[in-house]
Amino acid sequence: MAVYLSEADVRQVLTMPIALEQVESGFAARARGQAFDLPRKRTRLPGGHLHILQAAAPELNMVGYKAYFIRPDKSRTSLVHLINREQGNLEAIIEADWMGMMRTGASTGIATKYLARKNAAVVGLFGYGRHAVTQLDAVSRMRQLREVKVYGRHTARVEAFCTEMTAKLQINIRPATSPEDTVRGSCMVMTMTRASEPLFDGRWLEPGQFVSAAGSNAIDKREIDLETTRRADVIVVDSRDTARAECGDLLSAYEAGLVHWDTLPDLGEVIAGIKPGRSNDQQVILYESHGIGLQDIYTGARVLELARAKGLGTQLPM
């Protein structure tokens, strides 16, 4: 029978190291032609938006999809469905709000592993919401961080985030004084916001910086400006097809003739050694993360395995 895993079940078994491992495996399998996905499909309604991501992982014997519905008040329902590829039966339905935050953070963490300088130790972070928590958690596991500067519009919320994450990660995390302070002197510049206008001036970028933009996953969102795209020596995406369809940051750059979709390496190709990532410590590298279904399938399959071993979940008569 199929098993239903609640958010509480998922939180009992899913850790960031597991998410990092599974997301990296999914990206690499995709680059080798051993896993497949389709760009996100959206159904926009007056009362909310339905989003569906599909993927297949033959090496895991799984196909499936994540469907999530977001209402105008930002409340949401998010479910991953895992189907046995050989038998065709439903294996699991997994509540995927927490899992979604973990796999999104893990994508930035894996990008940091391959694209940031080895000695990168200072982060400038735009954003302080729930996704910013897992973004910072993942990156802190890839590099020995010395300092994190956090910028946002609401001072009290930024301060609360810094206090919480300092206690969690045991790193010096402080509010940034301005967007420029966030960027200058940072080895890694991370954005995780709902911004519709660029968050910083690309002229502030310095040689060797790694920029991870993870909030712009719709055509009406934008976190970086054209100058940042122009300054980037290498631009890596999680999926070319998804970037072409919905990356607000890069669509304007494409229209300006600064990027060409077919030449952009995706992260899996960098992991698999098919295309180069960072070749020297002076390069400015931009990573655009939008979210792909394989992150959910690989992470969900491991969550299901661990939950079954612990006897977690509710059996469904299906």
C-alpha atoms as a PDB file:
ATOM      1  CA  MET A   1       0.000   0.000   0.000  1.00  0.00           C
ATOM      2  CA  ALA A   2       0.993   3.604  -0.442  1.00  0.00           C
ATOM      3  CA  VAL A   3       2.228   5.542   2.560  1.00  0.00           C
ATOM      4  CA  TYR A   4       1.342   9.106   3.518  1.00  0.00           C
ATOM      5  CA  LEU A   5       4.170  11.060   5.169  1.00  0.00           C
ATOM      6  CA  SER A   6       3.295  14.201   7.092  1.00  0.00           C
ATOM      7  CA  GLU A   7       5.507  17.230   7.657  1.00  0.00           C
ATOM      8  CA  ALA A   8       6.272  15.842  11.109  1.00  0.00           C
ATOM      9  CA  ASP A   9       7.361  12.504   9.587  1.00  0.00           C
ATOM     10  CA  VAL A  10       9.621  14.259   7.091  1.00  0.00           C
ATOM     11  CA  ARG A  11      11.260  16.383   9.774  1.00  0.00           C
ATOM     12  CA  GLN A  12      12.159  13.233  11.717  1.00  0.00           C
ATOM     13  CA  VAL A  13      14.315  11.822   8.919  1.00  0.00           C
ATOM     14  CA  LEU A  14      15.420  14.612   6.555  1.00  0.00           C
ATOM     15  CA  THR A  15      18.622  16.445   7.437  1.00  0.00           C
ATOM     16  CA  MET A  16      20.585  18.915   5.358  1.00  0.00           C
ATOM     17  CA  PRO A  17      23.444  16.451   4.669  1.00  0.00           C
ATOM     18  CA  ILE A  18      20.876  14.025   3.228  1.00  0.00           C
ATOM     19  CA  ALA A  19      19.291  16.759   1.111  1.00  0.00           C
ATOM     20  CA  LEU A  20      22.706  17.827  -0.195  1.00  0.00           C
ATOM     21  CA  GLU A  21      23.604  14.262  -1.134  1.00  0.00           C
ATOM     22  CA  GLN A  22      20.323  13.585  -2.923  1.00  0.00           C
ATOM     23  CA  VAL A  23      20.188  16.873  -4.801  1.00  0.00           C
ATOM     24  CA  GLU A  24      23.751  16.429  -6.036  1.00  0.00           C
ATOM     25  CA  SER A  25      22.931  12.880  -7.185  1.00  0.00           C
ATOM     26  CA  GLY A  26      19.858  14.091  -9.039  1.00  0.00           C
ATOM     27  CA  PHE A  27      21.735  16.840 -10.869  1.00  0.00           C
ATOM     28  CA  ALA A  28      24.537  14.464 -11.880  1.00  0.00           C
ATOM     29  CA  ALA A  29      22.115  11.772 -13.096  1.00  0.00           C
ATOM     30  CA  ARG A  30      20.296  14.340 -15.203  1.00  0.00           C
ATOM     31  CA  ALA A  31      23.555  15.442 -16.844  1.00  0.00           C
ATOM     32  CA  ARG A  32      24.430  11.824 -17.665  1.00  0.00           C
ATOM     33  CA  GLY A  33      21.036  11.269 -19.281  1.00  0.00           C
ATOM     34  CA  GLN A  34      19.963   8.907 -16.484  1.00  0.00           C
ATOM     35  CA  ALA A  35      17.189  11.115 -15.077  1.00  0.00           C
ATOM     36  CA  PHE A  36      14.714  13.481 -16.679  1.00  0.00           C
ATOM     37  CA  ASP A  37      12.399  16.347 -15.782  1.00  0.00           C
ATOM     38  CA  LEU A  38       9.980  18.847 -17.283  1.00  0.00           C
ATOM     39  CA  PRO A  39       9.873  22.571 -16.539  1.00  0.00           C
ATOM     40  CA  ARG A  40       7.293  23.729 -14.022  1.00  0.00           C
ATOM     41  CA  LYS A  41       3.729  24.188 -15.266  1.00  0.00           C
ATOM     42  CA  ARG A  42       1.549  26.853 -13.640  1.00  0.00           C
ATOM     43  CA  THR A  43      -2.217  27.247 -13.515  1.00  0.00           C
ATOM     44  CA  ARG A  44      -3.052  30.766 -12.398  1.00  0.00           C
ATOM     45  CA  LEU A  45      -6.420  31.287 -10.763  1.00  0.00           C
ATOM     46  CA  PRO A  46      -8.023  34.279  -8.995  1.00  0.00           C
ATOM     47  CA  GLY A  47      -7.907  32.325  -5.711  1.00  0.00           C
ATOM     48  CA  GLY A  48      -4.343  31.040  -6.019  1.00  0.00           C
ATOM     49  CA  HIS A  49      -1.798  29.396  -8.278  1.00  0.00           C
ATOM     50  CA  LEU A  50      -1.209  25.682  -8.866  1.00  0.00           C
ATOM     51  CA  HIS A  51       2.340  24.631  -9.759  1.00  0.00           C
ATOM     52  CA  ILE A  52       3.410  21.157 -10.959  1.00  0.00           C
ATOM     53  CA  LEU A  53       6.944  19.787 -11.437  1.00  0.00           C
ATOM     54  CA  GLN A  54       7.398  16.356 -13.055  1.00  0.00           C
ATOM     55  CA  ALA A  55      10.457  14.093 -13.145  1.00  0.00           C
ATOM     56  CA  ALA A  56      11.652  10.529 -13.673  1.00  0.00           C
ATOM     57  CA  ALA A  57      14.545   8.771 -11.950  1.00  0.00           C
ATOM     58  CA  PRO A  58      14.957   5.294 -13.503  1.00  0.00           C
ATOM     59  CA  GLU A  59      17.952   4.473 -11.284  1.00  0.00           C
ATOM     60  CA  LEU A  60      15.643   4.910  -8.273  1.00  0.00           C
ATOM     61  CA  ASN A  61      12.774   3.114 -10.043  1.00  0.00           C
ATOM     62  CA  MET A  62      10.686   6.217  -9.409  1.00  0.00           C
ATOM     63  CA  VAL A  63       8.646   8.666 -11.439  1.00  0.00           C
ATOM     64  CA  GLY A  64       6.570  11.373  -9.897  1.00  0.00           C
ATOM     65  CA  TYR A  65       5.632  14.964  -9.443  1.00  0.00           C
ATOM     66  CA  LYS A  66       5.229  17.720  -6.910  1.00  0.00           C
ATOM     67  CA  ALA A  67       2.041  19.759  -6.912  1.00  0.00           C
ATOM     68  CA  TYR A  68       1.794  22.846  -4.762  1.00  0.00           C
ATOM     69  CA  PHE A  69      -0.979  25.405  -4.483  1.00  0.00           C
ATOM     70  CA  ILE A  70      -0.291  28.883  -3.113  1.00  0.00           C
ATOM     71  CA  ARG A  71      -3.152  31.147  -2.082  1.00  0.00           C
ATOM     72  CA  PRO A  72      -3.072  34.964  -2.064  1.00  0.00           C
ATOM     73  CA  ASP A  73      -2.454  34.979   1.719  1.00  0.00           C
ATOM     74  CA  LYS A  74       0.694  32.860   1.034  1.00  0.00           C
ATOM     75  CA  SER A  75      -0.771  29.777   2.743  1.00  0.00           C
ATOM     76  CA  ARG A  76       0.054  26.674   0.755  1.00  0.00           C
ATOM     77  CA  THR A  77      -0.420  22.982   0.144  1.00  0.00           C
ATOM     78  CA  SER A  78       2.581  21.053  -1.191  1.00  0.00           C
ATOM     79  CA  LEU A  79       2.604  17.313  -1.967  1.00  0.00           C
ATOM     80  CA  VAL A  80       5.131  15.044  -3.682  1.00  0.00           C
ATOM     81  CA  HIS A  81       3.743  11.883  -5.324  1.00  0.00           C
ATOM     82  CA  LEU A  82       6.148   8.982  -5.915  1.00  0.00           C
ATOM     83  CA  ILE A  83       5.186   6.208  -8.351  1.00  0.00           C
ATOM     84  CA  ASN A  84       6.964   2.876  -8.827  1.00  0.00           C
ATOM     85  CA  ARG A  85       8.260   3.021 -12.398  1.00  0.00           C
ATOM     86  CA  GLU A  86       8.164  -0.752 -13.032  1.00  0.00           C
ATOM     87  CA  GLN A  87       4.902  -1.658 -11.311  1.00  0.00           C
ATOM     88  CA  GLY A  88       3.042   1.601 -11.857  1.00  0.00           C
ATOM     89  CA  ASN A  89       1.665   1.778  -8.317  1.00  0.00           C
ATOM     90  CA  LEU A  90       1.691   4.830  -6.073  1.00  0.00           C
ATOM     91  CA  GLU A  91       4.421   4.406  -3.444  1.00  0.00           C
ATOM     92  CA  ALA A  92       3.958   7.565  -1.395  1.00  0.00           C
ATOM     93  CA  ILE A  93       2.374  10.952  -0.947  1.00  0.00           C
ATOM     94  CA  ILE A  94       4.699  13.246   0.996  1.00  0.00           C
ATOM     95  CA  GLU A  95       3.860  16.616   2.500  1.00  0.00           C
ATOM     96  CA  ALA A  96       6.630  18.702   0.991  1.00  0.00           C
ATOM     97  CA  ASP A  97       6.764  22.182   2.480  1.00  0.00           C
ATOM     98  CA  TRP A  98       9.802  21.505   4.688  1.00  0.00           C
ATOM     99  CA  MET A  99      11.296  19.167   2.103  1.00  0.00           C
ATOM    100  CA  GLY A 100      10.944  21.903  -0.512  1.00  0.00           C
ATOM    101  CA  MET A 101      12.865  24.368   1.629  1.00  0.00           C
ATOM    102  CA  MET A 102      15.573  21.787   2.295  1.00  0.00           C
ATOM    103  CA  ARG A 103      16.090  20.776  -1.324  1.00  0.00           C
ATOM    104  CA  THR A 104      16.118  24.426  -2.454  1.00  0.00           C
ATOM    105  CA  GLY A 105      18.783  25.254   0.106  1.00  0.00           C
ATOM    106  CA  ALA A 106      20.698  22.142  -0.906  1.00  0.00           C
ATOM    107  CA  SER A 107      20.800  23.308  -4.534  1.00  0.00           C
ATOM    108  CA  THR A 108      22.602  26.488  -3.470  1.00  0.00           C
ATOM    109  CA  GLY A 109      24.871  24.450  -1.218  1.00  0.00           C
ATOM    110  CA  ILE A 110      25.915  22.156  -4.059  1.00  0.00           C
ATOM    111  CA  ALA A 111      26.439  25.135  -6.361  1.00  0.00           C
ATOM    112  CA  THR A 112      28.678  26.644  -3.678  1.00  0.00           C
ATOM    113  CA  LYS A 113      30.670  23.415  -3.539  1.00  0.00           C
ATOM    114  CA  TYR A 114      31.506  23.576  -7.228  1.00  0.00           C
ATOM    115  CA  LEU A 115      31.442  27.292  -8.060  1.00  0.00           C
ATOM    116  CA  ALA A 116      32.620  29.302  -5.042  1.00  0.00           C
ATOM    117  CA  ARG A 117      36.285  29.835  -4.222  1.00  0.00           C
ATOM    118  CA  LYS A 118      37.676  27.195  -1.870  1.00  0.00           C
ATOM    119  CA  ASN A 119      38.628  29.858   0.688  1.00  0.00           C
ATOM    120  CA  ALA A 120      35.282  31.679   0.517  1.00  0.00           C
ATOM    121  CA  ALA A 121      34.384  32.655   4.084  1.00  0.00           C
ATOM    122  CA  VAL A 122      32.107  35.731   3.995  1.00  0.00           C
ATOM    123  CA  VAL A 123      28.478  35.710   2.839  1.00  0.00           C
ATOM    124  CA  GLY A 124      26.297  38.663   1.923  1.00  0.00           C
ATOM    125  CA  LEU A 125      22.679  37.494   2.114  1.00  0.00           C
ATOM    126  CA  PHE A 126      19.633  39.316   0.767  1.00  0.00           C
ATOM    127  CA  GLY A 127      16.576  37.839   2.474  1.00  0.00           C
ATOM    128  CA  TYR A 128      15.600  36.634   5.930  1.00  0.00           C
ATOM    129  CA  GLY A 129      12.572  34.405   5.377  1.00  0.00           C
ATOM    130  CA  ARG A 130      12.113  30.687   5.859  1.00  0.00           C
ATOM    131  CA  HIS A 131      13.990  29.793   2.677  1.00  0.00           C
ATOM    132  CA  ALA A 132      16.924  31.954   3.759  1.00  0.00           C
ATOM    133  CA  VAL A 133      17.339  29.647   6.774  1.00  0.00           C
ATOM    134  CA  THR A 134      18.003  26.556   4.662  1.00  0.00           C
ATOM    135  CA  GLN A 135      20.049  28.500   2.110  1.00  0.00           C
ATOM    136  CA  LEU A 136      22.466  29.583   4.823  1.00  0.00           C
ATOM    137  CA  ASP A 137      22.449  26.181   6.500  1.00  0.00           C
ATOM    138  CA  ALA A 138      23.450  24.455   3.254  1.00  0.00           C
ATOM    139  CA  VAL A 139      26.194  26.924   2.352  1.00  0.00           C
ATOM    140  CA  SER A 140      27.680  26.740   5.854  1.00  0.00           C
ATOM    141  CA  ARG A 141      28.243  23.002   5.281  1.00  0.00           C
ATOM    142  CA  MET A 142      30.202  23.634   2.079  1.00  0.00           C
ATOM    143  CA  ARG A 143      32.525  26.387   3.291  1.00  0.00           C
ATOM    144  CA  GLN A 144      34.034  27.401   6.630  1.00  0.00           C
ATOM    145  CA  LEU A 145      32.195  30.671   7.084  1.00  0.00           C
ATOM    146  CA  ARG A 146      33.672  33.514   9.134  1.00  0.00           C
ATOM    147  CA  GLU A 147      30.966  36.152   8.733  1.00  0.00           C
ATOM    148  CA  VAL A 148      27.472  36.573   7.294  1.00  0.00           C
ATOM    149  CA  LYS A 149      25.896  39.959   6.517  1.00  0.00           C
ATOM    150  CA  VAL A 150      22.108  39.983   6.100  1.00  0.00           C
ATOM    151  CA  TYR A 151      20.085  42.711   4.416  1.00  0.00           C
ATOM    152  CA  GLY A 152      16.325  43.206   4.286  1.00  0.00           C
ATOM    153  CA  ARG A 153      13.668  45.906   4.426  1.00  0.00           C
ATOM    154  CA  HIS A 154      12.410  45.085   7.930  1.00  0.00           C
ATOM    155  CA  THR A 155      15.122  45.801  10.488  1.00  0.00           C
ATOM    156  CA  ALA A 156      13.496  43.935  13.375  1.00  0.00           C
ATOM    157  CA  ARG A 157      13.010  40.794  11.284  1.00  0.00           C
ATOM    158  CA  VAL A 158      16.584  40.918  10.033  1.00  0.00           C
ATOM    159  CA  GLU A 159      17.864  41.227  13.597  1.00  0.00           C
ATOM    160  CA  ALA A 160      15.694  38.308  14.727  1.00  0.00           C
ATOM    161  CA  PHE A 161      16.964  36.193  11.828  1.00  0.00           C
ATOM    162  CA  CYS A 162      20.590  37.022  12.670  1.00  0.00           C
ATOM    163  CA  THR A 163      20.070  36.088  16.328  1.00  0.00           C
ATOM    164  CA  GLU A 164      18.381  32.794  15.416  1.00  0.00           C
ATOM    165  CA  MET A 165      20.964  31.753  12.827  1.00  0.00           C
ATOM    166  CA  THR A 166      23.946  32.797  14.973  1.00  0.00           C
ATOM    167  CA  ALA A 167      22.704  30.439  17.667  1.00  0.00           C
ATOM    168  CA  LYS A 168      22.028  27.674  15.154  1.00  0.00           C
ATOM    169  CA  LEU A 169      25.231  27.838  13.108  1.00  0.00           C
ATOM    170  CA  GLN A 170      27.659  29.364  15.625  1.00  0.00           C
ATOM    171  CA  ILE A 171      28.827  31.912  13.043  1.00  0.00           C
ATOM    172  CA  ASN A 172      29.125  35.699  13.307  1.00  0.00           C
ATOM    173  CA  ILE A 173      25.878  36.761  11.595  1.00  0.00           C
ATOM    174  CA  ARG A 174      24.965  40.452  11.638  1.00  0.00           C
ATOM    175  CA  PRO A 175      22.595  42.860   9.876  1.00  0.00           C
ATOM    176  CA  ALA A 176      24.155  44.598   6.884  1.00  0.00           C
ATOM    177  CA  THR A 177      24.029  48.390   6.907  1.00  0.00           C
ATOM    178  CA  SER A 178      23.064  48.692   3.226  1.00  0.00           C
ATOM    179  CA  PRO A 179      22.844  46.709  -0.017  1.00  0.00           C
ATOM    180  CA  GLU A 180      26.367  47.887  -0.871  1.00  0.00           C
ATOM    181  CA  ASP A 181      27.677  46.678   2.487  1.00  0.00           C
ATOM    182  CA  THR A 182      26.053  43.319   1.771  1.00  0.00           C
ATOM    183  CA  VAL A 183      27.928  42.914  -1.513  1.00  0.00           C
ATOM    184  CA  ARG A 184      31.319  44.515  -0.945  1.00  0.00           C
ATOM    185  CA  GLY A 185      33.837  42.270   0.793  1.00  0.00           C
ATOM    186  CA  SER A 186      31.615  39.188   0.504  1.00  0.00           C
ATOM    187  CA  CYS A 187      33.024  36.064  -1.113  1.00  0.00           C
ATOM    188  CA  MET A 188      29.502  34.820  -1.784  1.00  0.00           C
ATOM    189  CA  VAL A 189      26.450  36.981  -2.493  1.00  0.00           C
ATOM    190  CA  MET A 190      23.170  35.146  -2.010  1.00  0.00           C
ATOM    191  CA  THR A 191      19.658  36.339  -2.857  1.00  0.00           C
ATOM    192  CA  MET A 192      16.490  34.641  -1.642  1.00  0.00           C
ATOM    193  CA  THR A 193      13.636  37.140  -1.949  1.00  0.00           C
ATOM    194  CA  ARG A 194      10.403  37.880  -3.809  1.00  0.00           C
ATOM    195  CA  ALA A 195      11.914  41.016  -5.337  1.00  0.00           C
ATOM    196  CA  SER A 196      10.608  42.363  -8.625  1.00  0.00           C
ATOM    197  CA  GLU A 197      13.479  44.867  -8.982  1.00  0.00           C
ATOM    198  CA  PRO A 198      17.255  44.241  -8.715  1.00  0.00           C
ATOM    199  CA  LEU A 199      18.552  44.132  -5.147  1.00  0.00           C
ATOM    200  CA  PHE A 200      22.015  45.555  -5.769  1.00  0.00           C
ATOM    201  CA  ASP A 201      24.192  47.337  -8.316  1.00  0.00           C
ATOM    202  CA  GLY A 202      26.363  44.962 -10.324  1.00  0.00           C
ATOM    203  CA  ARG A 203      29.130  47.569 -10.340  1.00  0.00           C
ATOM    204  CA  TRP A 204      29.751  46.675  -6.685  1.00  0.00           C
ATOM    205  CA  LEU A 205      30.829  43.136  -7.560  1.00  0.00           C
ATOM    206  CA  GLU A 206      34.464  42.183  -6.944  1.00  0.00           C
ATOM    207  CA  PRO A 207      36.729  39.643  -8.665  1.00  0.00           C
ATOM    208  CA  GLY A 208      36.239  36.080  -7.462  1.00  0.00           C
ATOM    209  CA  GLN A 209      32.740  36.499  -6.060  1.00  0.00           C
ATOM    210  CA  PHE A 210      30.086  33.816  -6.368  1.00  0.00           C
ATOM    211  CA  VAL A 211      26.519  35.080  -6.763  1.00  0.00           C
ATOM    212  CA  SER A 212      23.637  32.710  -6.089  1.00  0.00           C
ATOM    213  CA  ALA A 213      20.196  33.993  -7.109  1.00  0.00           C
ATOM    214  CA  ALA A 214      17.475  31.642  -5.870  1.00  0.00           C
ATOM    215  CA  GLY A 215      14.353  33.779  -5.625  1.00  0.00           C
ATOM    216  CA  SER A 216      13.675  34.710  -9.254  1.00  0.00           C
ATOM    217  CA  ASN A 217      11.655  31.713 -10.468  1.00  0.00           C
ATOM    218  CA  ALA A 218       8.988  33.645 -12.368  1.00  0.00           C
ATOM    219  CA  ILE A 219       9.037  36.153 -15.193  1.00  0.00           C
ATOM    220  CA  ASP A 220       7.730  38.908 -12.907  1.00  0.00           C
ATOM    221  CA  LYS A 221      10.541  38.451 -10.365  1.00  0.00           C
ATOM    222  CA  ARG A 222      14.021  39.913 -10.591  1.00  0.00           C
ATOM    223  CA  GLU A 223      16.882  39.994  -8.089  1.00  0.00           C
ATOM    224  CA  ILE A 224      19.924  40.943 -10.174  1.00  0.00           C
ATOM    225  CA  ASP A 225      20.561  43.652 -12.752  1.00  0.00           C
ATOM    226  CA  LEU A 226      22.006  43.544 -16.263  1.00  0.00           C
ATOM    227  CA  GLU A 227      25.386  44.712 -14.995  1.00  0.00           C
ATOM    228  CA  THR A 228      25.663  41.623 -12.782  1.00  0.00           C
ATOM    229  CA  THR A 229      24.954  39.428 -15.793  1.00  0.00           C
ATOM    230  CA  ARG A 230      27.465  41.401 -17.837  1.00  0.00           C
ATOM    231  CA  ARG A 231      30.139  41.070 -15.127  1.00  0.00           C
ATOM    232  CA  ALA A 232      29.676  37.314 -14.748  1.00  0.00           C
ATOM    233  CA  ASP A 233      32.467  35.307 -16.366  1.00  0.00           C
ATOM    234  CA  VAL A 234      30.389  32.141 -16.020  1.00  0.00           C
ATOM    235  CA  ILE A 235      26.615  31.780 -15.656  1.00  0.00           C
ATOM    236  CA  VAL A 236      25.302  28.394 -14.483  1.00  0.00           C
ATOM    237  CA  VAL A 237      21.626  27.403 -14.202  1.00  0.00           C
ATOM    238  CA  ASP A 238      19.895  24.441 -12.597  1.00  0.00           C
ATOM    239  CA  SER A 239      17.994  23.830 -15.861  1.00  0.00           C
ATOM    240  CA  ARG A 240      18.294  25.583 -19.217  1.00  0.00           C
ATOM    241  CA  ASP A 241      14.714  24.753 -20.164  1.00  0.00           C
ATOM    242  CA  THR A 242      13.376  26.132 -16.896  1.00  0.00           C
ATOM    243  CA  ALA A 243      15.559  29.243 -17.101  1.00  0.00           C
ATOM    244  CA  ARG A 244      14.334  29.919 -20.617  1.00  0.00           C
ATOM    245  CA  ALA A 245      10.726  29.662 -19.444  1.00  0.00           C
ATOM    246  CA  GLU A 246      10.718  31.613 -16.195  1.00  0.00           C
ATOM    247  CA  CYS A 247      14.015  33.167 -15.089  1.00  0.00           C
ATOM    248  CA  GLY A 248      13.179  36.847 -14.682  1.00  0.00           C
ATOM    249  CA  ASP A 249      16.848  37.613 -14.038  1.00  0.00           C
ATOM    250  CA  LEU A 250      18.069  36.118 -17.314  1.00  0.00           C
ATOM    251  CA  LEU A 251      15.166  36.841 -19.649  1.00  0.00           C
ATOM    252  CA  SER A 252      16.028  40.533 -19.678  1.00  0.00           C
ATOM    253  CA  ALA A 253      19.695  39.651 -20.205  1.00  0.00           C
ATOM    254  CA  TYR A 254      18.724  37.413 -23.126  1.00  0.00           C
ATOM    255  CA  GLU A 255      16.756  40.254 -24.705  1.00  0.00           C
ATOM    256  CA  ALA A 256      19.829  42.465 -24.297  1.00  0.00           C
ATOM    257  CA  GLY A 257      22.004  39.868 -26.046  1.00  0.00           C
ATOM    258  CA  LEU A 258      24.060  39.087 -22.939  1.00  0.00           C
ATOM    259  CA  VAL A 259      23.183  35.392 -22.658  1.00  0.00           C
ATOM    260  CA  HIS A 260      22.368  32.584 -25.062  1.00  0.00           C
ATOM    261  CA  TRP A 261      20.332  29.720 -23.668  1.00  0.00           C
ATOM    262  CA  ASP A 262      22.067  26.870 -25.471  1.00  0.00           C
ATOM    263  CA  THR A 263      25.516  27.823 -24.209  1.00  0.00           C
ATOM    264  CA  LEU A 264      24.601  28.088 -20.521  1.00  0.00           C
ATOM    265  CA  PRO A 265      25.980  25.151 -18.516  1.00  0.00           C
ATOM    266  CA  ASP A 266      23.622  23.578 -16.034  1.00  0.00           C
ATOM    267  CA  LEU A 267      24.811  22.572 -12.584  1.00  0.00           C
ATOM    268  CA  GLY A 268      24.604  18.859 -13.298  1.00  0.00           C
ATOM    269  CA  GLU A 269      26.998  19.245 -16.234  1.00  0.00           C
ATOM    270  CA  VAL A 270      29.486  21.002 -13.962  1.00  0.00           C
ATOM    271  CA  ILE A 271      29.150  18.274 -11.322  1.00  0.00           C
ATOM    272  CA  ALA A 272      29.629  15.526 -13.929  1.00  0.00           C
ATOM    273  CA  GLY A 273      32.646  17.282 -15.446  1.00  0.00           C
ATOM    274  CA  ILE A 274      30.922  17.735 -18.795  1.00  0.00           C
ATOM    275  CA  LYS A 275      31.254  21.523 -18.729  1.00  0.00           C
ATOM    276  CA  PRO A 276      33.645  23.717 -16.729  1.00  0.00           C
ATOM    277  CA  GLY A 277      32.640  25.672 -13.656  1.00  0.00           C
ATOM    278  CA  ARG A 278      35.191  27.824 -11.866  1.00  0.00           C
ATOM    279  CA  SER A 279      38.642  27.728 -13.463  1.00  0.00           C
ATOM    280  CA  ASN A 280      40.349  30.457 -11.394  1.00  0.00           C
ATOM    281  CA  ASP A 281      39.848  32.540  -8.261  1.00  0.00           C
ATOM    282  CA  GLN A 282      39.296  35.793 -10.160  1.00  0.00           C
ATOM    283  CA  GLN A 283      36.125  34.774 -11.973  1.00  0.00           C
ATOM    284  CA  VAL A 284      32.746  36.204 -11.059  1.00  0.00           C
ATOM    285  CA  ILE A 285      30.280  33.323 -11.266  1.00  0.00           C
ATOM    286  CA  LEU A 286      26.489  33.583 -11.240  1.00  0.00           C
ATOM    287  CA  TYR A 287      24.219  30.648 -10.357  1.00  0.00           C
ATOM    288  CA  GLU A 288      20.516  30.922 -11.158  1.00  0.00           C
ATOM    289  CA  SER A 289      18.359  28.467  -9.202  1.00  0.00           C
ATOM    290  CA  HIS A 290      14.673  27.977 -10.050  1.00  0.00           C
ATOM    291  CA  GLY A 291      13.823  24.520  -8.698  1.00  0.00           C
ATOM    292  CA  ILE A 292      13.345  21.323 -10.715  1.00  0.00           C
ATOM    293  CA  GLY A 293      11.304  18.194 -10.142  1.00  0.00           C
ATOM    294  CA  LEU A 294      14.304  15.891  -9.815  1.00  0.00           C
ATOM    295  CA  GLN A 295      15.255  17.617  -6.571  1.00  0.00           C
ATOM    296  CA  ASP A 296      11.893  16.538  -5.156  1.00  0.00           C
ATOM    297  CA  ILE A 297      12.014  12.982  -6.529  1.00  0.00           C
ATOM    298  CA  TYR A 298      15.539  12.217  -5.314  1.00  0.00           C
ATOM    299  CA  THR A 299      15.012  13.819  -1.920  1.00  0.00           C
ATOM    300  CA  GLY A 300      11.557  12.289  -1.559  1.00  0.00           C
ATOM    301  CA  ALA A 301      12.759   8.795  -2.445  1.00  0.00           C
ATOM    302  CA  ARG A 302      15.369   8.929   0.308  1.00  0.00           C
ATOM    303  CA  VAL A 303      12.860  10.348   2.791  1.00  0.00           C
ATOM    304  CA  LEU A 304      10.501   7.463   1.975  1.00  0.00           C
ATOM    305  CA  GLU A 305      13.257   4.899   2.488  1.00  0.00           C
ATOM    306  CA  LEU A 306      14.246   6.357   5.864  1.00  0.00           C
ATOM    307  CA  ALA A 307      10.633   6.744   6.999  1.00  0.00           C
ATOM    308  CA  ARG A 308       9.824   3.123   6.170  1.00  0.00           C
ATOM    309  CA  ALA A 309      12.864   1.990   8.163  1.00  0.00           C
ATOM    310  CA  LYS A 310      11.479   3.882  11.175  1.00  0.00           C
ATOM    311  CA  GLY A 311       7.900   2.753  10.677  1.00  0.00           C
ATOM    312  CA  LEU A 312       6.689   6.292  10.072  1.00  0.00           C
ATOM    313  CA  GLY A 313       3.682   7.358   8.056  1.00  0.00           C
ATOM    314  CA  THR A 314       0.080   6.362   7.510  1.00  0.00           C
ATOM    315  CA  GLN A 315      -0.801   3.450   5.217  1.00  0.00           C
ATOM    316  CA  LEU A 316      -3.334   4.350   2.536  1.00  0.00           C
ATOM    317  CA  PRO A 317      -5.745   1.817   0.989  1.00  0.00           C
ATOM    318  CA  MET A 318      -4.431   2.423  -2.517  1.00  0.00           C
END
